[in-house]
Amino acid sequence: MSAVADPTPPAPPPPQELPKLARLERRVGEAVAALTLWRNRARAAEQEAARLRAVLDELAGTEFAPEPAAELKKLRAENAALKSRLTQAHRRVGLLLDWLGALEAKR
């Protein structure tokens, strides 16, 4: 098999398949039109959100950011959860090492 494409065009579809292909082509066209519509709506919504965020920032006098105390509380909670997971993992590794030591001692 060569890497060069075959210059002969594909055979036309059988006549009984033409209505099905026409319906498929129509459906694909409708899907493309719907996708274009939704993309345009999403783009417009993103632009409106950015505009409203700018207006809110202007009215507030500062850029919109989470409250430092709330952010600190969230980070401390996340840190506590991570420390707990680390402690549990450390304990499990210790148990595995003890078990491995016992197995090696039995040899």
C-alpha atoms as a PDB file:
ATOM      1  CA  MET A   1       0.000   0.000   0.000  1.00  0.00           C
ATOM      2  CA  SER A   2       1.463   3.363  -0.979  1.00  0.00           C
ATOM      3  CA  ALA A   3       1.293   6.647   0.876  1.00  0.00           C
ATOM      4  CA  VAL A   4      -0.049   8.412  -2.233  1.00  0.00           C
ATOM      5  CA  ALA A   5      -3.829   8.896  -2.260  1.00  0.00           C
ATOM      6  CA  ASP A   6      -5.806   7.011  -4.895  1.00  0.00           C
ATOM      7  CA  PRO A   7      -6.738   9.559  -7.614  1.00  0.00           C
ATOM      8  CA  THR A   8     -10.022   7.805  -8.462  1.00  0.00           C
ATOM      9  CA  PRO A   9     -13.074   9.425  -6.822  1.00  0.00           C
ATOM     10  CA  PRO A  10     -15.324   7.276  -4.639  1.00  0.00           C
ATOM     11  CA  ALA A  11     -18.326   5.658  -6.256  1.00  0.00           C
ATOM     12  CA  PRO A  12     -21.578   7.638  -5.979  1.00  0.00           C
ATOM     13  CA  PRO A  13     -24.070   6.326  -3.423  1.00  0.00           C
ATOM     14  CA  PRO A  14     -26.856   4.077  -4.634  1.00  0.00           C
ATOM     15  CA  PRO A  15     -30.042   5.972  -5.608  1.00  0.00           C
ATOM     16  CA  GLN A  16     -32.036   4.511  -2.707  1.00  0.00           C
ATOM     17  CA  GLU A  17     -29.569   6.107  -0.257  1.00  0.00           C
ATOM     18  CA  LEU A  18     -29.880   9.644  -1.674  1.00  0.00           C
ATOM     19  CA  PRO A  19     -32.936  10.652   0.428  1.00  0.00           C
ATOM     20  CA  LYS A  20     -31.182   9.421   3.580  1.00  0.00           C
ATOM     21  CA  LEU A  21     -28.041  11.357   2.695  1.00  0.00           C
ATOM     22  CA  ALA A  22     -30.087  14.488   1.998  1.00  0.00           C
ATOM     23  CA  ARG A  23     -31.786  14.168   5.421  1.00  0.00           C
ATOM     24  CA  LEU A  24     -28.401  13.624   7.062  1.00  0.00           C
ATOM     25  CA  GLU A  25     -26.956  16.660   5.303  1.00  0.00           C
ATOM     26  CA  ARG A  26     -29.954  18.759   6.417  1.00  0.00           C
ATOM     27  CA  ARG A  27     -29.561  17.551  10.038  1.00  0.00           C
ATOM     28  CA  VAL A  28     -25.838  18.314  10.008  1.00  0.00           C
ATOM     29  CA  GLY A  29     -26.589  21.789   8.683  1.00  0.00           C
ATOM     30  CA  GLU A  30     -29.160  22.309  11.458  1.00  0.00           C
ATOM     31  CA  ALA A  31     -26.674  21.107  14.066  1.00  0.00           C
ATOM     32  CA  VAL A  32     -23.985  23.462  12.756  1.00  0.00           C
ATOM     33  CA  ALA A  33     -26.452  26.364  12.813  1.00  0.00           C
ATOM     34  CA  ALA A  34     -27.507  25.518  16.393  1.00  0.00           C
ATOM     35  CA  LEU A  35     -23.891  25.222  17.497  1.00  0.00           C
ATOM     36  CA  THR A  36     -23.080  28.589  15.946  1.00  0.00           C
ATOM     37  CA  LEU A  37     -26.087  30.151  17.690  1.00  0.00           C
ATOM     38  CA  TRP A  38     -25.086  28.733  21.097  1.00  0.00           C
ATOM     39  CA  ARG A  39     -21.459  29.780  20.649  1.00  0.00           C
ATOM     40  CA  ASN A  40     -22.574  33.317  19.841  1.00  0.00           C
ATOM     41  CA  ARG A  41     -24.892  33.352  22.859  1.00  0.00           C
ATOM     42  CA  ALA A  42     -22.110  32.073  25.122  1.00  0.00           C
ATOM     43  CA  ARG A  43     -19.694  34.687  23.790  1.00  0.00           C
ATOM     44  CA  ALA A  44     -22.283  37.429  24.361  1.00  0.00           C
ATOM     45  CA  ALA A  45     -22.943  36.173  27.903  1.00  0.00           C
ATOM     46  CA  GLU A  46     -19.219  36.147  28.695  1.00  0.00           C
ATOM     47  CA  GLN A  47     -18.887  39.710  27.411  1.00  0.00           C
ATOM     48  CA  GLU A  48     -21.893  40.814  29.466  1.00  0.00           C
ATOM     49  CA  ALA A  49     -20.464  39.132  32.592  1.00  0.00           C
ATOM     50  CA  ALA A  50     -17.153  40.942  32.073  1.00  0.00           C
ATOM     51  CA  ARG A  51     -18.971  44.245  31.559  1.00  0.00           C
ATOM     52  CA  LEU A  52     -21.046  43.761  34.716  1.00  0.00           C
ATOM     53  CA  ARG A  53     -17.960  42.754  36.708  1.00  0.00           C
ATOM     54  CA  ALA A  54     -16.243  45.961  35.572  1.00  0.00           C
ATOM     55  CA  VAL A  55     -19.293  48.020  36.591  1.00  0.00           C
ATOM     56  CA  LEU A  56     -19.377  46.300  39.981  1.00  0.00           C
ATOM     57  CA  ASP A  57     -15.661  46.942  40.477  1.00  0.00           C
ATOM     58  CA  GLU A  58     -16.159  50.580  39.552  1.00  0.00           C
ATOM     59  CA  LEU A  59     -19.064  50.964  41.978  1.00  0.00           C
ATOM     60  CA  ALA A  60     -17.211  49.183  44.775  1.00  0.00           C
ATOM     61  CA  GLY A  61     -14.099  51.264  44.211  1.00  0.00           C
ATOM     62  CA  THR A  62     -11.869  48.204  44.322  1.00  0.00           C
ATOM     63  CA  GLU A  63     -11.474  45.027  42.380  1.00  0.00           C
ATOM     64  CA  PHE A  64     -13.801  42.264  43.468  1.00  0.00           C
ATOM     65  CA  ALA A  65     -11.915  39.763  45.613  1.00  0.00           C
ATOM     66  CA  PRO A  66     -12.932  37.321  48.317  1.00  0.00           C
ATOM     67  CA  GLU A  67     -12.819  38.640  51.862  1.00  0.00           C
ATOM     68  CA  PRO A  68      -9.350  37.960  53.325  1.00  0.00           C
ATOM     69  CA  ALA A  69     -10.756  36.487  56.558  1.00  0.00           C
ATOM     70  CA  ALA A  70     -12.986  34.062  54.659  1.00  0.00           C
ATOM     71  CA  GLU A  71     -10.137  33.077  52.358  1.00  0.00           C
ATOM     72  CA  LEU A  72      -7.840  32.533  55.361  1.00  0.00           C
ATOM     73  CA  LYS A  73     -10.471  30.373  57.076  1.00  0.00           C
ATOM     74  CA  LYS A  74     -10.888  28.274  53.928  1.00  0.00           C
ATOM     75  CA  LEU A  75      -7.120  27.815  53.537  1.00  0.00           C
ATOM     76  CA  ARG A  76      -6.714  26.837  57.194  1.00  0.00           C
ATOM     77  CA  ALA A  77      -9.461  24.216  56.862  1.00  0.00           C
ATOM     78  CA  GLU A  78      -7.826  22.845  53.709  1.00  0.00           C
ATOM     79  CA  ASN A  79      -4.443  22.784  55.483  1.00  0.00           C
ATOM     80  CA  ALA A  80      -5.931  20.883  58.443  1.00  0.00           C
ATOM     81  CA  ALA A  81      -7.473  18.304  56.097  1.00  0.00           C
ATOM     82  CA  LEU A  82      -4.160  17.835  54.286  1.00  0.00           C
ATOM     83  CA  LYS A  83      -2.269  17.460  57.579  1.00  0.00           C
ATOM     84  CA  SER A  84      -4.766  14.820  58.680  1.00  0.00           C
ATOM     85  CA  ARG A  85      -4.310  12.893  55.431  1.00  0.00           C
ATOM     86  CA  LEU A  86      -0.527  13.136  55.797  1.00  0.00           C
ATOM     87  CA  THR A  87      -0.683  11.809  59.370  1.00  0.00           C
ATOM     88  CA  GLN A  88      -2.869   8.888  58.278  1.00  0.00           C
ATOM     89  CA  ALA A  89      -0.533   8.078  55.388  1.00  0.00           C
ATOM     90  CA  HIS A  90       2.485   8.249  57.725  1.00  0.00           C
ATOM     91  CA  ARG A  91       0.792   5.823  60.118  1.00  0.00           C
ATOM     92  CA  ARG A  92      -0.049   3.386  57.300  1.00  0.00           C
ATOM     93  CA  VAL A  93       3.523   3.494  55.969  1.00  0.00           C
ATOM     94  CA  GLY A  94       4.793   2.770  59.480  1.00  0.00           C
ATOM     95  CA  LEU A  95       2.489  -0.244  59.737  1.00  0.00           C
ATOM     96  CA  LEU A  96       3.653  -1.496  56.337  1.00  0.00           C
ATOM     97  CA  LEU A  97       7.298  -1.121  57.385  1.00  0.00           C
ATOM     98  CA  ASP A  98       6.622  -3.025  60.617  1.00  0.00           C
ATOM     99  CA  TRP A  99       4.887  -5.779  58.653  1.00  0.00           C
ATOM    100  CA  LEU A 100       7.751  -5.932  56.145  1.00  0.00           C
ATOM    101  CA  GLY A 101      10.272  -6.124  58.992  1.00  0.00           C
ATOM    102  CA  ALA A 102       8.356  -9.013  60.549  1.00  0.00           C
ATOM    103  CA  LEU A 103       8.253 -10.853  57.211  1.00  0.00           C
ATOM    104  CA  GLU A 104      11.988 -10.347  56.688  1.00  0.00           C
ATOM    105  CA  ALA A 105      12.683 -11.596  60.215  1.00  0.00           C
ATOM    106  CA  LYS A 106      10.781 -14.830  59.449  1.00  0.00           C
ATOM    107  CA  ARG A 107      13.092 -15.639  56.535  1.00  0.00           C
END
